N, C-alpha and C. Protein backbone atom coordinates (compact mmCIF):
# COMPACT_ATOMS: atom_id res chain seq x y z
N MET A 1 82.26 152.26 -18.54
CA MET A 1 82.18 152.49 -17.09
C MET A 1 83.06 151.48 -16.37
N LYS A 2 83.83 151.90 -15.39
CA LYS A 2 84.66 151.00 -14.62
C LYS A 2 83.79 150.11 -13.74
N ILE A 3 84.38 148.96 -13.37
CA ILE A 3 83.61 148.02 -12.53
C ILE A 3 83.22 148.63 -11.21
N SER A 4 84.09 149.48 -10.64
CA SER A 4 83.75 150.12 -9.37
C SER A 4 82.54 151.02 -9.52
N GLY A 5 82.44 151.67 -10.67
CA GLY A 5 81.29 152.54 -10.92
C GLY A 5 80.01 151.76 -11.06
N LEU A 6 80.09 150.59 -11.73
CA LEU A 6 78.91 149.76 -11.89
C LEU A 6 78.43 149.23 -10.54
N ILE A 7 79.37 148.81 -9.72
CA ILE A 7 79.00 148.29 -8.39
C ILE A 7 78.36 149.39 -7.56
N ALA A 8 78.92 150.60 -7.61
CA ALA A 8 78.35 151.72 -6.86
C ALA A 8 76.94 152.02 -7.34
N ALA A 9 76.72 151.93 -8.66
CA ALA A 9 75.38 152.19 -9.20
C ALA A 9 74.38 151.15 -8.70
N MET A 10 74.82 149.89 -8.61
CA MET A 10 73.94 148.84 -8.12
C MET A 10 73.58 149.05 -6.66
N PHE A 11 74.55 149.46 -5.86
CA PHE A 11 74.26 149.77 -4.46
C PHE A 11 73.24 150.90 -4.37
N LEU A 12 73.37 151.88 -5.24
CA LEU A 12 72.45 153.01 -5.22
C LEU A 12 71.04 152.58 -5.55
N ILE A 13 70.93 151.70 -6.55
CA ILE A 13 69.60 151.23 -6.94
C ILE A 13 68.95 150.44 -5.81
N VAL A 14 69.72 149.53 -5.18
CA VAL A 14 69.18 148.71 -4.09
C VAL A 14 68.80 149.58 -2.90
N GLY A 15 69.60 150.63 -2.63
CA GLY A 15 69.37 151.45 -1.45
C GLY A 15 68.35 152.54 -1.64
N THR A 16 67.87 152.74 -2.88
CA THR A 16 66.91 153.80 -3.11
C THR A 16 65.53 153.41 -2.59
N CYS A 17 64.93 154.24 -1.78
CA CYS A 17 63.60 153.97 -1.23
C CYS A 17 62.63 155.04 -1.69
N GLN A 18 61.44 154.63 -2.06
CA GLN A 18 60.43 155.55 -2.50
C GLN A 18 59.55 155.93 -1.31
N ALA A 19 59.21 157.22 -1.23
CA ALA A 19 58.33 157.69 -0.17
C ALA A 19 56.92 157.21 -0.42
N ASP A 20 56.28 156.67 0.62
CA ASP A 20 54.91 156.20 0.53
C ASP A 20 54.10 156.80 1.67
N ALA A 21 52.80 156.89 1.44
CA ALA A 21 51.90 157.33 2.51
C ALA A 21 51.89 156.26 3.60
N VAL A 22 52.01 156.69 4.85
CA VAL A 22 51.96 155.76 5.98
C VAL A 22 50.69 155.95 6.81
N LEU A 23 50.09 157.13 6.71
CA LEU A 23 48.83 157.41 7.40
C LEU A 23 48.13 158.53 6.65
N ALA A 24 46.84 158.37 6.35
CA ALA A 24 46.16 159.39 5.55
C ALA A 24 44.65 159.26 5.60
N ASN A 25 43.97 160.41 5.40
CA ASN A 25 42.56 160.42 5.03
C ASN A 25 42.38 161.26 3.76
N LEU A 26 43.49 161.50 3.06
CA LEU A 26 43.48 162.07 1.72
C LEU A 26 43.67 160.94 0.71
N PRO A 27 43.12 161.05 -0.52
CA PRO A 27 42.48 162.24 -1.05
C PRO A 27 41.08 162.52 -0.53
N GLY A 28 40.41 161.54 0.04
CA GLY A 28 39.08 161.81 0.60
C GLY A 28 38.06 162.11 -0.48
N THR A 29 36.99 162.78 -0.08
CA THR A 29 35.89 163.09 -0.99
C THR A 29 35.79 164.59 -1.18
N ALA A 30 36.06 165.06 -2.39
CA ALA A 30 35.97 166.49 -2.69
C ALA A 30 34.50 166.92 -2.67
N PRO A 31 34.21 168.21 -2.38
CA PRO A 31 35.19 169.26 -2.10
C PRO A 31 35.66 169.24 -0.64
N TYR A 32 36.81 169.88 -0.41
CA TYR A 32 37.33 170.01 0.94
C TYR A 32 36.81 171.32 1.51
N ASN A 33 35.68 171.24 2.17
CA ASN A 33 35.01 172.46 2.62
C ASN A 33 34.54 172.40 4.06
N GLY A 34 34.90 171.37 4.79
CA GLY A 34 34.49 171.29 6.19
C GLY A 34 35.50 171.97 7.09
N ASP A 35 35.12 173.11 7.69
CA ASP A 35 36.01 173.85 8.59
C ASP A 35 35.94 173.19 9.96
N VAL A 36 36.82 172.21 10.20
CA VAL A 36 36.76 171.45 11.44
C VAL A 36 37.81 171.88 12.45
N ALA A 37 38.76 172.73 12.05
CA ALA A 37 39.78 173.22 12.97
C ALA A 37 40.24 174.59 12.50
N THR A 38 40.17 175.57 13.36
CA THR A 38 40.59 176.92 13.01
C THR A 38 41.86 177.27 13.75
N LEU A 39 42.91 177.55 12.99
CA LEU A 39 44.20 177.95 13.55
C LEU A 39 44.24 179.46 13.68
N GLY A 40 44.94 179.95 14.69
CA GLY A 40 45.04 181.40 14.87
C GLY A 40 46.16 181.75 15.82
N ALA A 41 46.12 182.95 16.35
CA ALA A 41 47.17 183.39 17.28
C ALA A 41 47.19 182.46 18.49
N SER A 42 48.29 181.76 18.67
CA SER A 42 48.50 180.82 19.78
C SER A 42 47.63 179.58 19.69
N VAL A 43 46.84 179.45 18.60
CA VAL A 43 45.95 178.29 18.44
C VAL A 43 46.60 177.30 17.47
N TRP A 44 47.00 176.14 17.99
CA TRP A 44 47.64 175.11 17.19
C TRP A 44 46.78 173.86 17.20
N VAL A 45 46.97 173.01 16.20
CA VAL A 45 46.28 171.73 16.13
C VAL A 45 47.31 170.63 15.88
N ALA A 46 47.14 169.50 16.57
CA ALA A 46 48.10 168.40 16.48
C ALA A 46 47.40 167.11 16.09
N VAL A 47 48.12 166.29 15.34
CA VAL A 47 47.64 164.95 14.95
C VAL A 47 48.56 163.93 15.62
N GLY A 48 48.00 163.06 16.43
CA GLY A 48 48.79 162.05 17.13
C GLY A 48 48.81 160.74 16.38
N VAL A 49 49.98 160.11 16.28
CA VAL A 49 50.12 158.82 15.61
C VAL A 49 51.02 157.91 16.42
N GLU A 50 50.81 156.62 16.26
CA GLU A 50 51.76 155.62 16.76
C GLU A 50 52.37 154.94 15.55
N THR A 51 53.68 154.87 15.50
CA THR A 51 54.35 154.27 14.35
C THR A 51 54.21 152.75 14.37
N GLY A 52 54.58 152.14 13.24
CA GLY A 52 54.52 150.69 13.13
C GLY A 52 55.74 150.02 13.72
N SER A 53 55.96 148.77 13.32
CA SER A 53 57.02 147.96 13.93
C SER A 53 58.40 148.20 13.32
N THR A 54 58.50 149.05 12.31
CA THR A 54 59.80 149.36 11.72
C THR A 54 60.03 150.87 11.73
N GLU A 55 61.29 151.25 11.85
CA GLU A 55 61.67 152.66 11.83
C GLU A 55 61.53 153.22 10.42
N VAL A 56 61.02 154.45 10.31
CA VAL A 56 60.89 155.10 9.01
C VAL A 56 61.44 156.52 9.10
N GLN A 57 61.71 157.10 7.94
CA GLN A 57 62.19 158.48 7.88
C GLN A 57 61.09 159.37 7.33
N PHE A 58 60.74 160.39 8.09
CA PHE A 58 59.68 161.31 7.68
C PHE A 58 60.05 162.00 6.37
N THR A 59 59.06 162.08 5.47
CA THR A 59 59.27 162.76 4.19
C THR A 59 58.45 164.04 4.09
N SER A 60 57.13 163.93 4.32
CA SER A 60 56.29 165.12 4.18
C SER A 60 54.94 164.91 4.86
N LEU A 61 54.27 166.02 5.11
CA LEU A 61 52.90 166.03 5.61
C LEU A 61 52.08 166.95 4.73
N GLU A 62 50.92 166.47 4.28
CA GLU A 62 50.06 167.26 3.41
C GLU A 62 48.70 167.45 4.05
N GLY A 63 48.09 168.60 3.86
CA GLY A 63 46.75 168.87 4.35
C GLY A 63 46.07 169.92 3.50
N GLU A 64 44.76 170.04 3.65
CA GLU A 64 43.97 171.04 2.92
C GLU A 64 43.60 172.18 3.86
N PHE A 65 43.90 173.42 3.46
CA PHE A 65 43.67 174.59 4.30
C PHE A 65 42.98 175.69 3.50
N ALA A 66 42.34 176.61 4.19
CA ALA A 66 41.70 177.75 3.54
C ALA A 66 41.79 178.97 4.43
N SER A 67 41.90 180.15 3.80
CA SER A 67 41.97 181.40 4.54
C SER A 67 41.36 182.51 3.71
N GLY A 68 40.64 183.42 4.37
CA GLY A 68 40.05 184.56 3.68
C GLY A 68 41.02 185.70 3.49
N SER A 69 42.20 185.60 4.07
CA SER A 69 43.21 186.64 3.94
C SER A 69 44.59 185.99 4.02
N PRO A 70 45.64 186.67 3.56
CA PRO A 70 46.97 186.07 3.61
C PRO A 70 47.35 185.65 5.03
N ALA A 71 47.99 184.50 5.14
CA ALA A 71 48.38 183.96 6.45
C ALA A 71 49.59 183.07 6.28
N THR A 72 50.20 182.71 7.39
CA THR A 72 51.40 181.88 7.36
C THR A 72 51.20 180.64 8.22
N LEU A 73 51.57 179.50 7.68
CA LEU A 73 51.51 178.23 8.40
C LEU A 73 52.92 177.71 8.65
N THR A 74 53.09 177.08 9.78
CA THR A 74 54.34 176.39 10.09
C THR A 74 54.01 175.28 11.07
N GLY A 75 55.00 174.71 11.72
CA GLY A 75 54.72 173.64 12.68
C GLY A 75 55.92 172.73 12.83
N GLY A 76 55.66 171.49 13.27
CA GLY A 76 56.76 170.57 13.47
C GLY A 76 56.29 169.22 13.99
N ILE A 77 57.26 168.34 14.22
CA ILE A 77 57.01 167.01 14.76
C ILE A 77 57.45 167.01 16.21
N TYR A 78 56.59 166.50 17.10
CA TYR A 78 56.85 166.52 18.54
C TYR A 78 56.84 165.09 19.09
N SER A 79 57.60 164.89 20.13
CA SER A 79 57.52 163.64 20.87
C SER A 79 56.22 163.63 21.68
N ASP A 80 55.93 162.49 22.29
CA ASP A 80 54.71 162.36 23.09
C ASP A 80 55.02 162.58 24.56
N SER A 81 54.15 163.32 25.23
CA SER A 81 54.26 163.53 26.67
C SER A 81 52.88 163.37 27.30
N LEU A 82 52.65 162.20 27.85
CA LEU A 82 51.39 161.91 28.55
C LEU A 82 50.18 162.14 27.63
N GLY A 83 50.29 161.65 26.39
CA GLY A 83 49.16 161.73 25.48
C GLY A 83 48.97 163.07 24.81
N ALA A 84 50.00 163.90 24.76
CA ALA A 84 49.94 165.21 24.13
C ALA A 84 51.33 165.56 23.60
N PRO A 85 51.45 166.58 22.72
CA PRO A 85 52.77 166.96 22.22
C PRO A 85 53.73 167.34 23.34
N GLY A 86 54.97 166.84 23.24
CA GLY A 86 55.99 167.14 24.23
C GLY A 86 57.08 168.02 23.67
N SER A 87 58.25 167.46 23.39
CA SER A 87 59.39 168.22 22.88
C SER A 87 59.45 168.12 21.36
N ILE A 88 59.86 169.19 20.71
CA ILE A 88 59.93 169.20 19.25
C ILE A 88 61.15 168.41 18.79
N VAL A 89 60.96 167.59 17.75
CA VAL A 89 62.05 166.79 17.20
C VAL A 89 62.35 167.16 15.75
N GLY A 90 61.49 167.95 15.13
CA GLY A 90 61.71 168.39 13.75
C GLY A 90 60.82 169.56 13.43
N THR A 91 61.34 170.59 12.78
CA THR A 91 60.59 171.81 12.48
C THR A 91 60.23 171.88 11.00
N PHE A 92 58.97 172.19 10.70
CA PHE A 92 58.53 172.35 9.32
C PHE A 92 58.98 173.70 8.78
N GLY A 93 59.18 173.77 7.48
CA GLY A 93 59.35 175.06 6.83
C GLY A 93 58.03 175.82 6.86
N SER A 94 58.05 177.11 6.58
CA SER A 94 56.84 177.92 6.61
C SER A 94 56.65 178.64 5.28
N GLU A 95 55.39 178.96 4.98
CA GLU A 95 55.07 179.66 3.74
C GLU A 95 53.73 180.37 3.90
N SER A 96 53.60 181.50 3.22
CA SER A 96 52.35 182.27 3.28
C SER A 96 51.32 181.68 2.34
N ILE A 97 50.08 181.62 2.80
CA ILE A 97 48.97 181.26 1.93
C ILE A 97 48.52 182.51 1.21
N GLY A 98 48.49 182.47 -0.10
CA GLY A 98 48.08 183.64 -0.88
C GLY A 98 47.28 183.24 -2.08
N GLY A 99 47.14 184.15 -3.01
CA GLY A 99 46.31 183.92 -4.19
C GLY A 99 47.07 183.36 -5.37
N THR A 100 48.38 183.14 -5.24
CA THR A 100 49.17 182.61 -6.34
C THR A 100 50.00 181.43 -5.86
N SER A 101 50.45 180.64 -6.81
CA SER A 101 51.29 179.49 -6.49
C SER A 101 52.66 179.95 -6.03
N GLU A 102 53.16 179.36 -4.95
CA GLU A 102 54.45 179.74 -4.40
C GLU A 102 55.21 178.49 -3.98
N SER A 103 56.50 178.62 -3.87
CA SER A 103 57.28 177.50 -3.33
C SER A 103 58.57 178.02 -2.73
N THR A 104 58.98 177.41 -1.62
CA THR A 104 60.26 177.73 -1.00
C THR A 104 60.89 176.44 -0.53
N GLU A 105 62.11 176.50 -0.08
CA GLU A 105 62.79 175.31 0.40
C GLU A 105 62.03 174.72 1.58
N GLY A 106 61.74 173.44 1.48
CA GLY A 106 61.08 172.76 2.58
C GLY A 106 59.58 172.90 2.63
N PHE A 107 58.98 173.57 1.64
CA PHE A 107 57.53 173.77 1.68
C PHE A 107 57.05 174.09 0.28
N THR A 108 55.95 173.49 -0.14
CA THR A 108 55.37 173.84 -1.42
C THR A 108 53.90 174.15 -1.26
N GLU A 109 53.39 174.97 -2.12
CA GLU A 109 51.99 175.37 -2.05
C GLU A 109 51.39 175.37 -3.44
N THR A 110 50.23 174.77 -3.60
CA THR A 110 49.54 174.74 -4.88
C THR A 110 48.09 175.16 -4.66
N ASP A 111 47.67 176.24 -5.26
CA ASP A 111 46.33 176.74 -5.06
C ASP A 111 45.30 175.91 -5.82
N ASN A 112 44.15 175.72 -5.21
CA ASN A 112 43.03 175.05 -5.85
C ASN A 112 42.11 176.08 -6.50
N ILE A 113 40.96 175.61 -6.95
CA ILE A 113 40.04 176.50 -7.65
C ILE A 113 39.52 177.60 -6.73
N ILE A 114 39.20 177.25 -5.49
CA ILE A 114 38.68 178.23 -4.55
C ILE A 114 39.80 179.16 -4.10
N ALA A 115 39.55 180.47 -4.14
CA ALA A 115 40.59 181.43 -3.77
C ALA A 115 41.03 181.20 -2.32
N PHE A 116 42.31 181.26 -2.09
CA PHE A 116 42.92 181.10 -0.78
C PHE A 116 42.73 179.71 -0.18
N SER A 117 42.28 178.75 -0.98
CA SER A 117 42.20 177.37 -0.52
C SER A 117 43.37 176.62 -1.12
N THR A 118 44.20 176.02 -0.29
CA THR A 118 45.43 175.43 -0.79
C THR A 118 45.69 174.05 -0.22
N SER A 119 46.43 173.27 -0.98
CA SER A 119 46.96 172.00 -0.50
C SER A 119 48.39 172.24 -0.08
N GLU A 120 48.68 172.10 1.20
CA GLU A 120 50.00 172.41 1.74
C GLU A 120 50.80 171.14 2.00
N THR A 121 52.05 171.14 1.61
CA THR A 121 52.94 170.01 1.85
C THR A 121 54.13 170.47 2.69
N PHE A 122 54.20 170.00 3.91
CA PHE A 122 55.26 170.39 4.85
C PHE A 122 56.39 169.37 4.83
N THR A 123 57.62 169.86 4.86
CA THR A 123 58.77 169.00 5.05
C THR A 123 59.68 169.63 6.10
N THR A 124 60.63 168.86 6.59
CA THR A 124 61.58 169.37 7.58
C THR A 124 62.92 169.66 6.89
N ALA A 125 63.65 170.62 7.43
CA ALA A 125 64.94 170.99 6.85
C ALA A 125 65.96 169.86 7.01
N GLY A 126 65.91 169.15 8.12
CA GLY A 126 66.83 168.05 8.37
C GLY A 126 66.11 166.72 8.39
N THR A 127 66.88 165.65 8.55
CA THR A 127 66.32 164.30 8.59
C THR A 127 65.67 164.04 9.95
N VAL A 128 64.45 163.47 9.91
CA VAL A 128 63.76 163.07 11.13
C VAL A 128 63.37 161.61 11.01
N ASP A 129 64.02 160.76 11.81
CA ASP A 129 63.69 159.34 11.83
C ASP A 129 62.62 159.09 12.89
N LEU A 130 61.56 158.42 12.49
CA LEU A 130 60.48 158.08 13.40
C LEU A 130 60.72 156.65 13.91
N GLN A 131 60.99 156.53 15.20
CA GLN A 131 61.33 155.23 15.78
C GLN A 131 60.11 154.30 15.76
N ALA A 132 60.37 153.01 15.74
CA ALA A 132 59.30 152.01 15.71
C ALA A 132 58.49 152.04 17.00
N ASN A 133 57.18 151.76 16.87
CA ASN A 133 56.28 151.62 18.01
C ASN A 133 56.38 152.80 18.98
N THR A 134 56.37 154.00 18.42
CA THR A 134 56.54 155.22 19.21
C THR A 134 55.45 156.22 18.84
N ASN A 135 54.98 156.97 19.83
CA ASN A 135 53.96 158.00 19.59
C ASN A 135 54.62 159.33 19.22
N TYR A 136 54.07 159.97 18.19
CA TYR A 136 54.52 161.29 17.76
C TYR A 136 53.31 162.18 17.50
N TRP A 137 53.57 163.48 17.52
CA TRP A 137 52.52 164.47 17.23
C TRP A 137 53.00 165.41 16.12
N PHE A 138 52.16 165.56 15.11
CA PHE A 138 52.44 166.46 14.00
C PHE A 138 51.59 167.72 14.20
N VAL A 139 52.28 168.81 14.49
CA VAL A 139 51.61 170.04 14.91
C VAL A 139 51.65 171.09 13.80
N ILE A 140 50.49 171.70 13.54
CA ILE A 140 50.40 172.81 12.59
C ILE A 140 50.10 174.07 13.37
N GLU A 141 50.91 175.11 13.14
CA GLU A 141 50.76 176.38 13.83
C GLU A 141 50.42 177.47 12.82
N ASP A 142 49.86 178.59 13.31
CA ASP A 142 49.45 179.66 12.42
C ASP A 142 49.81 181.01 13.02
N ALA A 143 50.09 181.97 12.14
CA ALA A 143 50.28 183.36 12.56
C ALA A 143 48.92 183.93 13.00
N PRO A 144 48.86 185.19 13.44
CA PRO A 144 47.61 185.74 13.97
C PRO A 144 46.38 185.62 13.06
N GLN A 145 46.57 185.60 11.74
CA GLN A 145 45.42 185.46 10.87
C GLN A 145 44.82 184.06 10.97
N GLY A 146 43.50 183.94 10.97
CA GLY A 146 42.85 182.64 11.10
C GLY A 146 42.94 181.83 9.83
N VAL A 147 43.22 180.54 9.97
CA VAL A 147 43.28 179.61 8.85
C VAL A 147 42.45 178.39 9.21
N ALA A 148 41.60 177.95 8.28
CA ALA A 148 40.79 176.76 8.50
C ALA A 148 41.51 175.53 7.99
N TRP A 149 41.63 174.53 8.85
CA TRP A 149 42.16 173.23 8.43
C TRP A 149 40.94 172.40 8.03
N LEU A 150 40.84 172.04 6.76
CA LEU A 150 39.61 171.50 6.20
C LEU A 150 39.53 169.99 6.29
N SER A 151 38.27 169.51 6.35
CA SER A 151 37.99 168.09 6.15
C SER A 151 37.38 167.93 4.76
N ASP A 152 37.12 166.68 4.37
CA ASP A 152 36.44 166.49 3.09
C ASP A 152 34.94 166.51 3.32
N SER A 153 34.19 166.23 2.26
CA SER A 153 32.73 166.37 2.34
C SER A 153 32.03 165.13 2.88
N SER A 154 32.78 164.06 3.20
CA SER A 154 32.14 162.86 3.71
C SER A 154 31.73 163.03 5.17
N ASN A 155 30.84 162.16 5.62
CA ASN A 155 30.40 162.16 7.02
C ASN A 155 29.87 163.53 7.44
N SER A 156 28.99 164.06 6.61
CA SER A 156 28.36 165.37 6.86
C SER A 156 29.39 166.50 7.01
N GLY A 157 30.46 166.39 6.27
CA GLY A 157 31.48 167.43 6.29
C GLY A 157 32.53 167.26 7.37
N ALA A 158 32.35 166.26 8.25
CA ALA A 158 33.32 166.05 9.32
C ALA A 158 34.52 165.25 8.84
N GLY A 159 34.40 164.62 7.66
CA GLY A 159 35.50 163.82 7.13
C GLY A 159 35.65 162.50 7.85
N THR A 160 36.64 161.75 7.45
CA THR A 160 36.91 160.44 8.04
C THR A 160 38.26 160.45 8.76
N ALA A 161 38.41 159.59 9.73
CA ALA A 161 39.66 159.52 10.48
C ALA A 161 40.77 158.94 9.61
N PRO A 162 42.02 159.36 9.81
CA PRO A 162 43.14 158.81 9.04
C PRO A 162 43.33 157.33 9.31
N LEU A 163 43.81 156.62 8.29
CA LEU A 163 44.06 155.19 8.39
C LEU A 163 45.47 154.88 7.94
N ALA A 164 45.99 153.74 8.41
CA ALA A 164 47.31 153.28 7.98
C ALA A 164 47.28 152.98 6.49
N LYS A 165 48.39 153.25 5.80
CA LYS A 165 48.50 153.02 4.37
C LYS A 165 49.73 152.18 4.07
N ASN A 166 49.63 151.40 2.98
CA ASN A 166 50.76 150.64 2.45
C ASN A 166 51.43 149.73 3.48
N GLY A 167 50.60 149.14 4.36
CA GLY A 167 51.12 148.20 5.34
C GLY A 167 52.07 148.80 6.35
N SER A 168 51.94 150.11 6.61
CA SER A 168 52.87 150.79 7.51
C SER A 168 52.71 150.38 8.97
N GLY A 169 51.51 149.96 9.35
CA GLY A 169 51.26 149.63 10.75
C GLY A 169 51.04 150.85 11.62
N PHE A 170 50.99 152.04 11.01
CA PHE A 170 50.73 153.26 11.79
C PHE A 170 49.31 153.24 12.36
N THR A 171 49.12 153.89 13.51
CA THR A 171 47.82 153.99 14.15
C THR A 171 47.51 155.45 14.44
N PHE A 172 46.34 155.90 14.04
CA PHE A 172 45.89 157.25 14.39
C PHE A 172 45.44 157.28 15.84
N LEU A 173 45.95 158.25 16.61
CA LEU A 173 45.59 158.37 18.02
C LEU A 173 44.45 159.36 18.23
N SER A 174 44.66 160.62 17.92
CA SER A 174 43.63 161.63 18.10
C SER A 174 44.11 162.96 17.54
N TYR A 175 43.17 163.91 17.46
CA TYR A 175 43.51 165.30 17.18
C TYR A 175 43.46 166.06 18.51
N GLN A 176 44.42 166.93 18.72
CA GLN A 176 44.45 167.77 19.92
C GLN A 176 44.60 169.23 19.50
N SER A 177 44.13 170.13 20.35
CA SER A 177 44.29 171.55 20.05
C SER A 177 44.73 172.30 21.31
N THR A 178 45.37 173.43 21.08
CA THR A 178 45.80 174.29 22.18
C THR A 178 45.50 175.74 21.82
N SER A 179 45.14 176.54 22.81
CA SER A 179 44.87 177.97 22.58
C SER A 179 45.95 178.85 23.21
N ASN A 180 47.01 178.22 23.74
CA ASN A 180 48.08 179.00 24.38
C ASN A 180 49.46 178.50 23.96
N SER A 181 49.60 178.26 22.66
CA SER A 181 50.89 177.89 22.06
C SER A 181 51.52 176.66 22.68
N GLY A 182 50.70 175.67 22.98
CA GLY A 182 51.20 174.41 23.50
C GLY A 182 51.25 174.30 25.00
N GLY A 183 50.74 175.31 25.71
CA GLY A 183 50.73 175.25 27.16
C GLY A 183 49.83 174.15 27.69
N ASN A 184 48.65 174.03 27.10
CA ASN A 184 47.69 172.99 27.48
C ASN A 184 47.05 172.44 26.22
N TRP A 185 46.84 171.13 26.20
CA TRP A 185 46.23 170.49 25.04
C TRP A 185 44.92 169.82 25.44
N THR A 186 43.92 169.91 24.57
CA THR A 186 42.63 169.26 24.80
C THR A 186 42.18 168.60 23.50
N PRO A 187 41.30 167.58 23.58
CA PRO A 187 40.81 166.94 22.36
C PRO A 187 40.13 167.95 21.44
N LEU A 188 40.35 167.79 20.15
CA LEU A 188 39.78 168.72 19.18
C LEU A 188 38.27 168.64 19.13
N GLY A 189 37.72 167.46 19.32
CA GLY A 189 36.27 167.30 19.23
C GLY A 189 35.89 166.71 17.89
N ALA A 190 34.70 167.08 17.38
CA ALA A 190 34.20 166.52 16.14
C ALA A 190 35.03 166.97 14.95
N GLY A 191 35.10 166.10 13.95
CA GLY A 191 35.79 166.46 12.73
C GLY A 191 37.16 165.85 12.59
N ASN A 192 37.57 165.64 11.33
CA ASN A 192 38.85 165.02 11.03
C ASN A 192 39.58 165.83 9.96
N PRO A 193 40.45 166.76 10.36
CA PRO A 193 41.21 167.53 9.37
C PRO A 193 41.97 166.61 8.42
N THR A 194 42.10 167.05 7.18
CA THR A 194 42.77 166.26 6.15
C THR A 194 44.26 166.16 6.42
N ILE A 195 44.81 164.98 6.17
CA ILE A 195 46.24 164.77 6.42
C ILE A 195 46.73 163.59 5.60
N GLU A 196 47.95 163.69 5.13
CA GLU A 196 48.68 162.55 4.59
C GLU A 196 50.12 162.67 5.04
N ILE A 197 50.60 161.65 5.73
CA ILE A 197 51.99 161.60 6.18
C ILE A 197 52.73 160.60 5.31
N ASP A 198 53.81 161.04 4.68
CA ASP A 198 54.63 160.18 3.84
C ASP A 198 55.97 159.92 4.52
N ALA A 199 56.51 158.73 4.30
CA ALA A 199 57.80 158.37 4.90
C ALA A 199 58.49 157.33 4.04
N THR A 200 59.78 157.15 4.27
CA THR A 200 60.56 156.12 3.59
C THR A 200 61.15 155.18 4.63
N SER A 201 61.39 153.95 4.22
CA SER A 201 61.95 152.95 5.12
C SER A 201 63.43 153.22 5.36
N VAL A 202 63.87 152.99 6.58
CA VAL A 202 65.31 153.11 6.90
C VAL A 202 65.84 151.78 7.39
N SER A 203 65.11 150.71 7.13
CA SER A 203 65.53 149.38 7.58
C SER A 203 66.64 148.86 6.68
N ALA A 204 67.33 147.84 7.15
CA ALA A 204 68.41 147.23 6.38
C ALA A 204 67.84 146.55 5.14
N PRO A 205 68.64 146.43 4.07
CA PRO A 205 68.18 145.77 2.85
C PRO A 205 67.71 144.34 3.14
N GLU A 206 66.68 143.91 2.42
CA GLU A 206 66.18 142.56 2.59
C GLU A 206 67.21 141.55 2.08
N PRO A 207 67.18 140.33 2.62
CA PRO A 207 68.13 139.30 2.17
C PRO A 207 68.09 139.09 0.66
N ALA A 208 66.90 139.14 0.07
CA ALA A 208 66.79 138.93 -1.38
C ALA A 208 67.54 140.01 -2.14
N SER A 209 67.46 141.26 -1.66
CA SER A 209 68.16 142.35 -2.32
C SER A 209 69.67 142.18 -2.20
N ILE A 210 70.12 141.76 -1.03
CA ILE A 210 71.56 141.53 -0.82
C ILE A 210 72.05 140.40 -1.73
N PHE A 211 71.25 139.35 -1.88
CA PHE A 211 71.62 138.23 -2.74
C PHE A 211 71.75 138.67 -4.18
N LEU A 212 70.78 139.43 -4.67
CA LEU A 212 70.81 139.91 -6.05
C LEU A 212 72.01 140.82 -6.28
N LEU A 213 72.29 141.68 -5.30
CA LEU A 213 73.44 142.58 -5.43
C LEU A 213 74.74 141.78 -5.49
N SER A 214 74.86 140.75 -4.66
CA SER A 214 76.06 139.93 -4.65
C SER A 214 76.24 139.21 -5.98
N CYS A 215 75.15 138.68 -6.53
CA CYS A 215 75.22 138.00 -7.82
C CYS A 215 75.67 138.95 -8.92
N GLY A 216 75.11 140.17 -8.87
CA GLY A 216 75.47 141.16 -9.87
C GLY A 216 76.94 141.53 -9.80
N CYS A 217 77.45 141.70 -8.60
CA CYS A 217 78.87 142.03 -8.41
C CYS A 217 79.75 140.89 -8.92
N ALA A 218 79.36 139.65 -8.62
CA ALA A 218 80.15 138.50 -9.07
C ALA A 218 80.20 138.43 -10.58
N CYS A 219 79.06 138.67 -11.22
CA CYS A 219 79.01 138.64 -12.68
C CYS A 219 79.90 139.72 -13.29
N LEU A 220 79.90 140.88 -12.69
CA LEU A 220 80.73 141.97 -13.20
C LEU A 220 82.21 141.65 -13.06
N ILE A 221 82.60 141.04 -11.95
CA ILE A 221 84.00 140.69 -11.73
C ILE A 221 84.44 139.63 -12.74
N VAL A 222 83.62 138.60 -12.96
CA VAL A 222 83.94 137.55 -13.93
C VAL A 222 84.07 138.13 -15.33
N SER A 223 83.11 139.02 -15.68
CA SER A 223 83.13 139.63 -17.00
C SER A 223 84.40 140.44 -17.21
N CYS A 224 84.82 141.16 -16.19
CA CYS A 224 86.02 141.99 -16.28
C CYS A 224 87.26 141.12 -16.48
N ARG A 225 87.33 140.00 -15.76
CA ARG A 225 88.50 139.12 -15.88
C ARG A 225 88.56 138.45 -17.24
N LEU A 226 87.40 138.06 -17.78
CA LEU A 226 87.36 137.44 -19.10
C LEU A 226 87.85 138.41 -20.15
N ARG A 227 87.49 139.67 -20.03
CA ARG A 227 87.94 140.68 -20.99
C ARG A 227 89.46 140.84 -20.94
N ARG A 228 90.03 140.76 -19.74
CA ARG A 228 91.47 140.90 -19.60
C ARG A 228 92.20 139.73 -20.23
N VAL A 229 91.64 138.51 -20.09
CA VAL A 229 92.24 137.31 -20.66
C VAL A 229 92.30 137.41 -22.18
N ARG A 230 91.20 137.93 -22.77
CA ARG A 230 91.15 138.06 -24.22
C ARG A 230 92.14 139.11 -24.70
């Protein structure tokens, strides 16, 4: 391998970031059977969060859902407007909930033991950077068929509120719902639908990483010159 290739590989290794949960109440306590939010025609549910002190890049959102008949879920990430979803900044892919495992670009679905009960993982088609110390709303929408957004079995089936994970500094704000496709939003009330938001860091490399990379590059250059001398 040429020295330029080795250096490029080292930059790739240093720059690679793993997606981590930043806010979640999953995995929670099975079974996921608390119907705490019902999605339907024009009925959407939103999860409000405040980001931490560093900018991150959204990776995925996961939740537990159930439906007695085939249905379609979609949604997106919205800015905050006076404590409720405002303008959309990223759109989720969509997929039908059915009796078999399915997958499409930007969305995966894995069926659980209970028929039509699925763990849904939403992603966006493009990159969405979540700015530091900023409020966002993650909205799940549904086609006319009703879909239950489930909680776990803790707290008498109401589940537990999402918490910051992996030192993200994220803060859970509230759940909101609308019955007119986002025209008006009101607090959801009792219950905590299941959610896990994953993200990757977009901050500059730490000084230690830069130092190690510089040392590695220097060693490669010296090694290359010694080989030429021989």
